[in-house]
């Protein structure tokens, strides 16, 4: 009986419409903001996998498989000890994560940081504080959201 219940739970988990987000952020206020913005863009059906630092993220990255990988990565670039770069590099080195959009979130406006983020495989670099419109536009741009979910700018209408 226990096996049957476990099988049913596994099937329900596979059918879950939840979007799985892997967030690497050390600031609790920024975690709250990111989660709020993501829910505003993608809806409340979010499964958040959160790492509070680069070491925790690096360990988790090695454990992701094709079956349980996140649908989207959000990585704070300015983790201690350049941790954001190492997280991005490790995520791109994991074959199961090769097609997952990797969004870097940063307060850094240094061209070098932005360029290095893209060199390491970032799909987008978003400035803090995270904005709904920018997140939505980048999700559409990388193909993670259908164009139909893009807001219509009525200022272009005559």
N, C-alpha and C. Protein backbone atom coordinates (compact mmCIF):
# COMPACT_ATOMS: atom_id res chain seq x y z
N UNK A 1 0.83 -1.19 0.00
CA UNK A 1 0.00 0.00 0.00
C UNK A 1 0.88 1.26 0.00
N UNK A 2 1.96 1.23 0.77
CA UNK A 2 2.88 2.36 0.85
C UNK A 2 3.50 2.64 -0.53
N UNK A 3 3.87 1.58 -1.27
CA UNK A 3 4.45 1.75 -2.60
C UNK A 3 3.47 2.41 -3.55
N UNK A 4 2.20 2.03 -3.48
CA UNK A 4 1.17 2.61 -4.33
C UNK A 4 1.04 4.11 -4.05
N UNK A 5 1.04 4.48 -2.78
CA UNK A 5 0.95 5.90 -2.41
C UNK A 5 2.17 6.66 -2.92
N UNK A 6 3.35 6.07 -2.78
CA UNK A 6 4.57 6.73 -3.28
C UNK A 6 4.53 6.91 -4.79
N UNK A 7 4.04 5.89 -5.51
CA UNK A 7 3.92 5.99 -6.96
C UNK A 7 2.96 7.11 -7.35
N UNK A 8 1.84 7.21 -6.63
CA UNK A 8 0.87 8.26 -6.93
C UNK A 8 1.46 9.64 -6.66
N UNK A 9 2.21 9.77 -5.58
CA UNK A 9 2.84 11.05 -5.26
C UNK A 9 3.85 11.43 -6.34
N UNK A 10 4.61 10.45 -6.83
CA UNK A 10 5.58 10.72 -7.89
C UNK A 10 4.89 11.17 -9.17
N UNK A 11 3.77 10.51 -9.52
CA UNK A 11 3.03 10.88 -10.71
C UNK A 11 2.47 12.29 -10.58
N UNK A 12 1.92 12.62 -9.41
CA UNK A 12 1.38 13.96 -9.19
C UNK A 12 2.48 15.00 -9.29
N UNK A 13 3.65 14.69 -8.78
CA UNK A 13 4.77 15.63 -8.85
C UNK A 13 5.18 15.86 -10.30
N UNK A 14 5.15 14.80 -11.11
CA UNK A 14 5.52 14.93 -12.51
C UNK A 14 4.49 15.74 -13.29
N UNK A 15 3.24 15.72 -12.87
CA UNK A 15 2.18 16.44 -13.54
C UNK A 15 2.03 17.86 -13.02
N UNK A 16 2.78 18.21 -12.00
CA UNK A 16 2.67 19.51 -11.37
C UNK A 16 3.00 20.62 -12.36
N UNK A 17 2.12 21.63 -12.43
CA UNK A 17 2.38 22.74 -13.34
C UNK A 17 3.34 23.77 -12.76
N UNK A 18 3.84 23.53 -11.56
CA UNK A 18 4.71 24.50 -10.89
C UNK A 18 5.98 24.74 -11.69
N UNK A 19 6.39 26.00 -11.70
CA UNK A 19 7.66 26.37 -12.32
C UNK A 19 8.70 26.29 -11.22
N UNK A 20 9.75 25.54 -11.48
CA UNK A 20 10.80 25.35 -10.48
C UNK A 20 11.90 26.38 -10.70
N UNK A 21 12.11 27.21 -9.69
CA UNK A 21 13.09 28.28 -9.75
C UNK A 21 14.22 27.97 -8.78
N UNK A 22 15.45 28.06 -9.26
CA UNK A 22 16.61 27.93 -8.39
C UNK A 22 17.17 29.33 -8.18
N UNK A 23 17.08 29.81 -6.95
CA UNK A 23 17.53 31.16 -6.61
C UNK A 23 18.74 31.07 -5.70
N UNK A 24 19.82 31.72 -6.12
CA UNK A 24 21.03 31.78 -5.31
C UNK A 24 21.18 33.24 -4.89
N UNK A 25 20.87 33.50 -3.63
CA UNK A 25 20.86 34.87 -3.11
C UNK A 25 21.13 34.84 -1.62
N UNK A 26 22.06 35.68 -1.17
CA UNK A 26 22.43 35.68 0.24
C UNK A 26 21.69 36.73 1.07
N UNK A 27 21.00 37.65 0.44
CA UNK A 27 20.30 38.71 1.15
C UNK A 27 18.81 38.36 1.26
N UNK A 28 18.28 38.16 2.48
CA UNK A 28 16.88 37.77 2.65
C UNK A 28 15.89 38.77 2.03
N UNK A 29 16.21 40.06 2.07
CA UNK A 29 15.32 41.06 1.45
C UNK A 29 15.27 40.87 -0.06
N UNK A 30 16.41 40.56 -0.66
CA UNK A 30 16.45 40.35 -2.11
C UNK A 30 15.77 39.04 -2.50
N UNK A 31 15.82 38.05 -1.62
CA UNK A 31 15.09 36.80 -1.86
C UNK A 31 13.60 37.11 -1.92
N UNK A 32 13.11 37.88 -0.97
CA UNK A 32 11.69 38.24 -0.92
C UNK A 32 11.29 38.99 -2.19
N UNK A 33 12.10 39.97 -2.58
CA UNK A 33 11.78 40.76 -3.79
C UNK A 33 11.76 39.87 -5.02
N UNK A 34 12.78 39.02 -5.17
CA UNK A 34 12.86 38.14 -6.34
C UNK A 34 11.66 37.21 -6.40
N UNK A 35 11.31 36.62 -5.27
CA UNK A 35 10.17 35.70 -5.24
C UNK A 35 8.88 36.43 -5.57
N UNK A 36 8.71 37.62 -5.05
CA UNK A 36 7.51 38.41 -5.33
C UNK A 36 7.41 38.73 -6.82
N UNK A 37 8.50 39.18 -7.41
CA UNK A 37 8.50 39.53 -8.83
C UNK A 37 8.25 38.29 -9.69
N UNK A 38 8.90 37.18 -9.37
CA UNK A 38 8.72 35.95 -10.14
C UNK A 38 7.26 35.50 -10.08
N UNK A 39 6.65 35.57 -8.91
CA UNK A 39 5.24 35.19 -8.80
C UNK A 39 4.34 36.13 -9.59
N UNK A 40 4.66 37.40 -9.62
CA UNK A 40 3.87 38.35 -10.40
C UNK A 40 3.95 38.05 -11.89
N UNK A 41 5.08 37.57 -12.34
CA UNK A 41 5.28 37.27 -13.76
C UNK A 41 4.78 35.88 -14.12
N UNK A 42 5.08 34.88 -13.29
CA UNK A 42 4.79 33.49 -13.64
C UNK A 42 3.59 32.89 -12.91
N UNK A 43 3.06 33.59 -11.92
CA UNK A 43 1.93 33.07 -11.15
C UNK A 43 2.40 32.44 -9.85
N UNK A 44 1.44 32.03 -9.06
CA UNK A 44 1.74 31.52 -7.72
C UNK A 44 2.25 30.08 -7.70
N UNK A 45 2.16 29.38 -8.82
CA UNK A 45 2.60 27.99 -8.87
C UNK A 45 4.11 27.92 -9.04
N UNK A 46 4.81 28.36 -8.01
CA UNK A 46 6.28 28.40 -8.04
C UNK A 46 6.82 27.42 -7.00
N UNK A 47 7.79 26.65 -7.42
CA UNK A 47 8.55 25.85 -6.47
C UNK A 47 9.92 26.50 -6.37
N UNK A 48 10.22 27.05 -5.22
CA UNK A 48 11.50 27.74 -5.04
C UNK A 48 12.51 26.82 -4.40
N UNK A 49 13.65 26.69 -5.06
CA UNK A 49 14.80 26.00 -4.50
C UNK A 49 15.80 27.11 -4.23
N UNK A 50 16.15 27.30 -2.96
CA UNK A 50 16.97 28.45 -2.58
C UNK A 50 18.30 28.02 -1.97
N UNK A 51 19.36 28.61 -2.46
CA UNK A 51 20.68 28.45 -1.85
C UNK A 51 21.09 29.81 -1.32
N UNK A 52 21.61 29.83 -0.10
CA UNK A 52 21.95 31.09 0.56
C UNK A 52 23.37 31.56 0.27
N UNK A 53 24.17 30.69 -0.32
CA UNK A 53 25.55 31.08 -0.63
C UNK A 53 26.07 30.20 -1.77
N UNK A 54 27.25 30.55 -2.25
CA UNK A 54 27.82 29.83 -3.39
C UNK A 54 28.13 28.38 -3.06
N UNK A 55 28.66 28.11 -1.87
CA UNK A 55 29.00 26.73 -1.51
C UNK A 55 27.76 25.84 -1.52
N UNK A 56 26.68 26.33 -0.95
CA UNK A 56 25.42 25.57 -0.93
C UNK A 56 24.91 25.36 -2.36
N UNK A 57 24.99 26.39 -3.18
CA UNK A 57 24.55 26.29 -4.57
C UNK A 57 25.38 25.29 -5.36
N UNK A 58 26.69 25.34 -5.16
CA UNK A 58 27.58 24.43 -5.90
C UNK A 58 27.27 22.97 -5.56
N UNK A 59 26.98 22.69 -4.30
CA UNK A 59 26.61 21.34 -3.90
C UNK A 59 25.30 20.92 -4.55
N UNK A 60 24.33 21.80 -4.54
CA UNK A 60 23.02 21.48 -5.12
C UNK A 60 23.11 21.27 -6.63
N UNK A 61 23.93 22.07 -7.30
CA UNK A 61 24.07 21.97 -8.75
C UNK A 61 24.56 20.58 -9.15
N UNK A 62 25.45 20.00 -8.38
CA UNK A 62 25.97 18.67 -8.72
C UNK A 62 24.90 17.59 -8.60
N UNK A 63 23.83 17.88 -7.88
CA UNK A 63 22.78 16.89 -7.64
C UNK A 63 21.61 16.98 -8.62
N UNK A 64 21.50 18.06 -9.38
CA UNK A 64 20.39 18.19 -10.32
C UNK A 64 20.53 17.19 -11.46
N UNK A 65 19.39 16.62 -11.86
CA UNK A 65 19.34 15.70 -12.99
C UNK A 65 18.33 16.25 -14.01
N UNK A 66 18.22 15.58 -15.14
CA UNK A 66 17.23 15.97 -16.15
C UNK A 66 15.82 15.98 -15.56
N UNK A 67 15.55 15.07 -14.64
CA UNK A 67 14.20 14.92 -14.07
C UNK A 67 13.86 15.98 -13.03
N UNK A 68 14.83 16.48 -12.30
CA UNK A 68 14.50 17.41 -11.22
C UNK A 68 15.16 18.78 -11.36
N UNK A 69 15.70 19.04 -12.52
CA UNK A 69 16.37 20.33 -12.71
C UNK A 69 15.36 21.47 -12.66
N UNK A 70 15.84 22.66 -12.32
CA UNK A 70 14.96 23.82 -12.30
C UNK A 70 14.61 24.26 -13.72
N UNK A 71 13.54 25.05 -13.82
CA UNK A 71 13.14 25.63 -15.10
C UNK A 71 13.85 26.96 -15.35
N UNK A 72 14.35 27.56 -14.28
CA UNK A 72 14.99 28.86 -14.38
C UNK A 72 15.96 29.04 -13.22
N UNK A 73 17.15 29.58 -13.52
CA UNK A 73 18.14 29.93 -12.51
C UNK A 73 18.15 31.44 -12.34
N UNK A 74 18.18 31.89 -11.11
CA UNK A 74 18.40 33.30 -10.80
C UNK A 74 19.59 33.34 -9.84
N UNK A 75 20.67 33.94 -10.26
CA UNK A 75 21.90 33.92 -9.47
C UNK A 75 22.37 35.34 -9.19
N UNK A 76 22.56 35.64 -7.91
CA UNK A 76 23.15 36.91 -7.50
C UNK A 76 24.62 36.88 -7.89
N UNK A 77 25.05 37.83 -8.69
CA UNK A 77 26.43 37.86 -9.14
C UNK A 77 27.39 38.19 -8.01
N UNK A 78 26.97 39.04 -7.12
CA UNK A 78 27.85 39.56 -6.07
C UNK A 78 27.76 38.76 -4.77
N UNK A 79 27.83 37.46 -4.88
CA UNK A 79 27.97 36.63 -3.69
C UNK A 79 29.41 36.78 -3.19
N UNK A 80 29.66 36.56 -1.91
CA UNK A 80 31.04 36.67 -1.41
C UNK A 80 32.03 35.81 -2.20
N UNK A 81 33.25 36.29 -2.31
CA UNK A 81 34.36 35.58 -2.99
C UNK A 81 34.06 35.30 -4.46
N UNK A 82 33.43 36.25 -5.15
CA UNK A 82 33.06 36.06 -6.56
C UNK A 82 32.23 34.80 -6.78
N UNK A 83 31.44 34.46 -5.80
CA UNK A 83 30.65 33.23 -5.84
C UNK A 83 29.66 33.14 -6.97
N UNK A 84 29.12 34.28 -7.40
CA UNK A 84 28.15 34.25 -8.49
C UNK A 84 28.75 33.69 -9.77
N UNK A 85 29.99 34.09 -10.05
CA UNK A 85 30.67 33.58 -11.24
C UNK A 85 30.90 32.07 -11.14
N UNK A 86 31.31 31.59 -9.98
CA UNK A 86 31.57 30.16 -9.84
C UNK A 86 30.28 29.35 -9.93
N UNK A 87 29.19 29.89 -9.42
CA UNK A 87 27.89 29.21 -9.52
C UNK A 87 27.46 29.12 -10.98
N UNK A 88 27.59 30.20 -11.70
CA UNK A 88 27.22 30.23 -13.11
C UNK A 88 28.06 29.24 -13.91
N UNK A 89 29.34 29.24 -13.65
CA UNK A 89 30.25 28.32 -14.36
C UNK A 89 29.92 26.86 -14.07
N UNK A 90 29.65 26.54 -12.81
CA UNK A 90 29.32 25.17 -12.43
C UNK A 90 27.98 24.74 -13.02
N UNK A 91 27.03 25.65 -13.03
CA UNK A 91 25.71 25.31 -13.59
C UNK A 91 25.83 24.99 -15.08
N UNK A 92 26.60 25.79 -15.79
CA UNK A 92 26.75 25.54 -17.23
C UNK A 92 27.57 24.27 -17.51
N UNK A 93 28.38 23.85 -16.57
CA UNK A 93 29.17 22.63 -16.74
C UNK A 93 28.34 21.38 -16.49
N UNK A 94 27.19 21.51 -15.83
CA UNK A 94 26.31 20.37 -15.55
C UNK A 94 25.44 20.13 -16.79
N UNK A 95 25.60 19.01 -17.43
CA UNK A 95 24.90 18.70 -18.67
C UNK A 95 23.38 18.76 -18.52
N UNK A 96 22.87 18.36 -17.37
CA UNK A 96 21.42 18.38 -17.14
C UNK A 96 20.86 19.80 -17.15
N UNK A 97 21.73 20.78 -16.95
CA UNK A 97 21.28 22.17 -16.86
C UNK A 97 21.59 22.98 -18.12
N UNK A 98 22.08 22.32 -19.14
CA UNK A 98 22.57 23.03 -20.33
C UNK A 98 21.51 23.89 -21.01
N UNK A 99 20.26 23.50 -20.94
CA UNK A 99 19.21 24.27 -21.63
C UNK A 99 18.41 25.17 -20.69
N UNK A 100 18.76 25.19 -19.42
CA UNK A 100 18.02 26.01 -18.45
C UNK A 100 18.46 27.47 -18.57
N UNK A 101 17.51 28.40 -18.70
CA UNK A 101 17.89 29.81 -18.73
C UNK A 101 18.55 30.22 -17.41
N UNK A 102 19.68 30.90 -17.52
CA UNK A 102 20.44 31.36 -16.35
C UNK A 102 20.41 32.88 -16.33
N UNK A 103 19.71 33.42 -15.37
CA UNK A 103 19.61 34.87 -15.24
C UNK A 103 20.47 35.32 -14.08
N UNK A 104 21.37 36.23 -14.36
CA UNK A 104 22.21 36.83 -13.34
C UNK A 104 21.51 38.09 -12.85
N UNK A 105 21.44 38.24 -11.54
CA UNK A 105 20.86 39.43 -10.94
C UNK A 105 22.00 40.16 -10.23
N UNK A 106 22.14 41.45 -10.54
CA UNK A 106 23.29 42.16 -9.98
C UNK A 106 23.02 43.65 -9.78
N UNK A 107 23.74 44.21 -8.86
CA UNK A 107 23.73 45.66 -8.69
C UNK A 107 24.95 46.26 -9.38
N UNK A 108 25.81 45.39 -9.92
CA UNK A 108 27.03 45.84 -10.60
C UNK A 108 26.70 46.34 -12.00
N UNK A 109 27.23 47.48 -12.32
CA UNK A 109 27.07 48.01 -13.67
C UNK A 109 28.39 47.98 -14.43
N UNK A 110 29.36 47.26 -13.88
CA UNK A 110 30.65 47.15 -14.55
C UNK A 110 30.50 46.33 -15.83
N UNK A 111 30.96 46.92 -16.94
CA UNK A 111 30.89 46.21 -18.21
C UNK A 111 31.59 44.86 -18.14
N UNK A 112 32.73 44.82 -17.41
CA UNK A 112 33.50 43.58 -17.30
C UNK A 112 32.67 42.48 -16.63
N UNK A 113 31.94 42.81 -15.57
CA UNK A 113 31.10 41.83 -14.87
C UNK A 113 30.00 41.31 -15.79
N UNK A 114 29.38 42.23 -16.51
CA UNK A 114 28.29 41.84 -17.41
C UNK A 114 28.84 40.97 -18.53
N UNK A 115 29.96 41.36 -19.12
CA UNK A 115 30.57 40.58 -20.21
C UNK A 115 30.97 39.20 -19.72
N UNK A 116 31.58 39.13 -18.54
CA UNK A 116 32.00 37.83 -18.00
C UNK A 116 30.80 36.93 -17.71
N UNK A 117 29.71 37.52 -17.26
CA UNK A 117 28.49 36.75 -17.01
C UNK A 117 28.02 36.06 -18.30
N UNK A 118 28.01 36.83 -19.39
CA UNK A 118 27.60 36.25 -20.67
C UNK A 118 28.61 35.22 -21.17
N UNK A 119 29.89 35.48 -20.98
CA UNK A 119 30.92 34.52 -21.38
C UNK A 119 30.75 33.19 -20.64
N UNK A 120 30.30 33.26 -19.39
CA UNK A 120 30.12 32.04 -18.59
C UNK A 120 28.77 31.36 -18.83
N UNK A 121 27.97 31.93 -19.71
CA UNK A 121 26.73 31.26 -20.10
C UNK A 121 25.44 31.88 -19.60
N UNK A 122 25.50 33.09 -19.08
CA UNK A 122 24.26 33.74 -18.64
C UNK A 122 23.35 33.97 -19.85
N UNK A 123 22.06 33.75 -19.63
CA UNK A 123 21.06 34.02 -20.67
C UNK A 123 20.69 35.50 -20.65
N UNK A 124 20.74 36.10 -19.47
CA UNK A 124 20.39 37.51 -19.29
C UNK A 124 21.07 38.02 -18.03
N UNK A 125 21.33 39.32 -18.01
CA UNK A 125 21.84 39.98 -16.81
C UNK A 125 20.82 41.05 -16.45
N UNK A 126 20.25 40.91 -15.27
CA UNK A 126 19.20 41.82 -14.80
C UNK A 126 19.71 42.65 -13.63
N UNK A 127 19.41 43.92 -13.64
CA UNK A 127 19.85 44.81 -12.56
C UNK A 127 18.89 44.75 -11.38
N UNK A 128 19.48 44.88 -10.19
CA UNK A 128 18.69 44.99 -8.98
C UNK A 128 18.25 46.44 -8.84
N UNK A 129 17.08 46.70 -8.32
CA UNK A 129 16.09 45.71 -7.90
C UNK A 129 15.42 45.09 -9.13
N UNK A 130 15.11 43.83 -9.03
CA UNK A 130 14.49 43.08 -10.11
C UNK A 130 13.14 43.70 -10.45
N UNK A 131 12.88 43.89 -11.73
CA UNK A 131 11.59 44.47 -12.13
C UNK A 131 10.77 43.44 -12.90
N UNK A 132 9.48 43.54 -12.73
CA UNK A 132 8.53 42.64 -13.41
C UNK A 132 8.69 42.75 -14.92
N UNK A 133 8.67 43.96 -15.44
CA UNK A 133 8.71 44.15 -16.89
C UNK A 133 9.99 43.59 -17.50
N UNK A 134 11.12 43.87 -16.87
CA UNK A 134 12.40 43.40 -17.40
C UNK A 134 12.49 41.87 -17.34
N UNK A 135 12.05 41.28 -16.22
CA UNK A 135 12.06 39.82 -16.11
C UNK A 135 11.17 39.21 -17.19
N UNK A 136 9.97 39.74 -17.34
CA UNK A 136 9.04 39.21 -18.35
C UNK A 136 9.64 39.32 -19.74
N UNK A 137 10.21 40.49 -20.08
CA UNK A 137 10.81 40.68 -21.40
C UNK A 137 11.95 39.70 -21.66
N UNK A 138 12.79 39.48 -20.66
CA UNK A 138 13.92 38.56 -20.84
C UNK A 138 13.45 37.11 -20.93
N UNK A 139 12.42 36.75 -20.18
CA UNK A 139 11.86 35.39 -20.30
C UNK A 139 11.30 35.15 -21.69
N UNK A 140 10.65 36.15 -22.26
CA UNK A 140 10.14 36.05 -23.63
C UNK A 140 11.31 35.96 -24.60
N UNK A 141 12.31 36.82 -24.42
CA UNK A 141 13.46 36.85 -25.32
C UNK A 141 14.18 35.51 -25.40
N UNK A 142 14.35 34.84 -24.26
CA UNK A 142 15.07 33.57 -24.27
C UNK A 142 14.16 32.38 -24.56
N UNK A 143 12.87 32.66 -24.79
CA UNK A 143 11.95 31.59 -25.15
C UNK A 143 11.36 30.83 -23.98
N UNK A 144 11.49 31.38 -22.77
CA UNK A 144 10.95 30.70 -21.60
C UNK A 144 9.48 31.07 -21.35
N UNK A 145 9.00 32.08 -22.04
CA UNK A 145 7.60 32.49 -21.97
C UNK A 145 7.09 32.67 -23.39
N UNK A 146 5.88 32.24 -23.67
CA UNK A 146 5.34 32.50 -25.02
C UNK A 146 5.10 34.00 -25.22
N UNK A 147 5.18 34.43 -26.45
CA UNK A 147 4.96 35.84 -26.76
C UNK A 147 3.58 36.32 -26.31
N UNK A 148 2.61 35.43 -26.29
CA UNK A 148 1.25 35.81 -25.89
C UNK A 148 1.20 36.33 -24.46
N UNK A 149 2.21 36.00 -23.64
CA UNK A 149 2.22 36.47 -22.27
C UNK A 149 2.95 37.80 -22.13
N UNK A 150 3.44 38.30 -23.24
CA UNK A 150 4.12 39.59 -23.20
C UNK A 150 3.06 40.69 -23.12
N UNK A 151 3.26 41.66 -22.25
CA UNK A 151 2.26 42.72 -22.13
C UNK A 151 2.20 43.55 -23.41
N UNK A 152 1.04 44.04 -23.73
CA UNK A 152 0.84 44.86 -24.92
C UNK A 152 1.06 46.31 -24.54
N UNK A 153 1.93 46.97 -25.27
CA UNK A 153 2.18 48.38 -25.00
C UNK A 153 1.19 49.19 -25.83
N UNK A 154 0.20 49.75 -25.18
CA UNK A 154 -0.87 50.46 -25.87
C UNK A 154 -0.44 51.84 -26.35
N UNK A 155 0.73 52.32 -25.96
CA UNK A 155 1.18 53.64 -26.38
C UNK A 155 1.48 53.68 -27.87
N UNK A 156 1.65 52.52 -28.50
CA UNK A 156 1.94 52.48 -29.94
C UNK A 156 0.66 52.51 -30.78
N UNK A 157 -0.47 52.36 -30.14
CA UNK A 157 -1.73 52.35 -30.89
C UNK A 157 -2.16 53.76 -31.26
N UNK A 158 -2.80 53.87 -32.40
CA UNK A 158 -3.29 55.19 -32.85
C UNK A 158 -4.78 55.27 -32.73
